[in-house]
């Protein structure tokens, strides 16, 4: 299986322990992380043409992933 780039622990290595702790203790964070994981996988499949999409749709997916990543980062900073 190939490595999917942009996983949360790779994007925020300084929060690796916090991410793990929140995944087992915070339902809101679990929802955010699961949504990011699914969206990131969708983007990766589109980028690698496993499941090709229109260029504008791919751009939209990337924008949604970036916005969700920003939300997760803000949440991690807030919880620190």
Protein backbone atom coordinates (compact mmCIF):
# COMPACT_ATOMS: atom_id res chain seq x y z
CA UNK A 1 0.00 0.00 0.00
CA UNK A 2 1.31 3.45 -0.86
CA UNK A 3 1.95 6.16 1.67
CA UNK A 4 -0.70 8.87 1.69
CA UNK A 5 0.90 12.29 2.16
CA UNK A 6 -0.47 15.01 4.43
CA UNK A 7 -1.50 12.78 7.33
CA UNK A 8 -2.09 14.76 10.53
CA UNK A 9 0.95 13.39 12.36
CA UNK A 10 3.11 14.46 9.39
CA UNK A 11 1.48 17.88 9.09
CA UNK A 12 1.79 18.61 12.82
CA UNK A 13 4.70 16.58 14.20
CA UNK A 14 4.99 18.95 17.16
CA UNK A 15 1.47 17.90 18.20
CA UNK A 16 1.88 14.14 17.69
CA UNK A 17 1.28 13.28 21.35
CA UNK A 18 -1.60 15.75 21.63
CA UNK A 19 -3.23 14.30 18.49
CA UNK A 20 -3.05 10.80 19.94
CA UNK A 21 -4.41 11.93 23.31
CA UNK A 22 -7.31 13.82 21.71
CA UNK A 23 -8.17 10.88 19.45
CA UNK A 24 -8.90 8.78 22.53
CA UNK A 25 -10.50 11.44 24.71
CA UNK A 26 -12.22 14.14 22.64
CA UNK A 27 -15.22 13.28 20.46
CA UNK A 28 -15.13 16.62 18.63
CA UNK A 29 -11.48 16.12 17.69
CA UNK A 30 -12.21 12.54 16.60
CA UNK A 31 -14.88 13.91 14.24
CA UNK A 32 -12.48 16.52 12.82
CA UNK A 33 -9.65 13.99 12.44
CA UNK A 34 -11.91 11.41 10.76
CA UNK A 35 -13.27 14.02 8.36
CA UNK A 36 -9.72 15.15 7.54
CA UNK A 37 -8.56 11.57 7.05
CA UNK A 38 -11.38 10.80 4.60
CA UNK A 39 -10.93 14.07 2.71
CA UNK A 40 -7.16 13.59 2.54
CA UNK A 41 -7.60 10.09 1.13
CA UNK A 42 -10.04 11.44 -1.46
CA UNK A 43 -7.55 14.13 -2.50
CA UNK A 44 -4.76 11.57 -2.74
CA UNK A 45 -6.86 9.24 -4.90
CA UNK A 46 -7.72 12.16 -7.18
CA UNK A 47 -4.11 13.36 -7.42
CA UNK A 48 -2.82 9.89 -8.26
CA UNK A 49 -5.63 9.26 -10.78
CA UNK A 50 -6.87 6.24 -8.86
CA UNK A 51 -10.23 8.01 -8.85
CA UNK A 52 -9.81 10.91 -11.30
CA UNK A 53 -11.98 13.99 -10.95
CA UNK A 54 -12.35 17.25 -12.87
CA UNK A 55 -9.55 19.73 -12.22
CA UNK A 56 -11.87 22.23 -10.52
CA UNK A 57 -13.27 19.50 -8.28
CA UNK A 58 -9.74 18.53 -7.27
CA UNK A 59 -8.92 22.16 -6.48
CA UNK A 60 -12.08 22.37 -4.37
CA UNK A 61 -11.10 19.21 -2.48
CA UNK A 62 -7.66 20.67 -1.74
CA UNK A 63 -9.22 23.92 -0.51
CA UNK A 64 -11.59 22.00 1.78
CA UNK A 65 -8.65 19.95 3.12
CA UNK A 66 -6.64 23.13 3.80
CA UNK A 67 -9.58 24.77 5.61
CA UNK A 68 -10.10 21.66 7.74
CA UNK A 69 -6.38 21.49 8.48
CA UNK A 70 -6.51 25.12 9.64
CA UNK A 71 -9.45 24.29 11.90
CA UNK A 72 -7.59 21.31 13.36
CA UNK A 73 -4.46 23.41 13.93
CA UNK A 74 -6.48 26.05 15.77
CA UNK A 75 -8.08 23.33 17.90
CA UNK A 76 -4.70 21.80 18.73
CA UNK A 77 -3.30 25.22 19.73
CA UNK A 78 -6.37 25.87 21.86
CA UNK A 79 -5.97 22.54 23.66
CA UNK A 80 -2.24 23.01 24.33
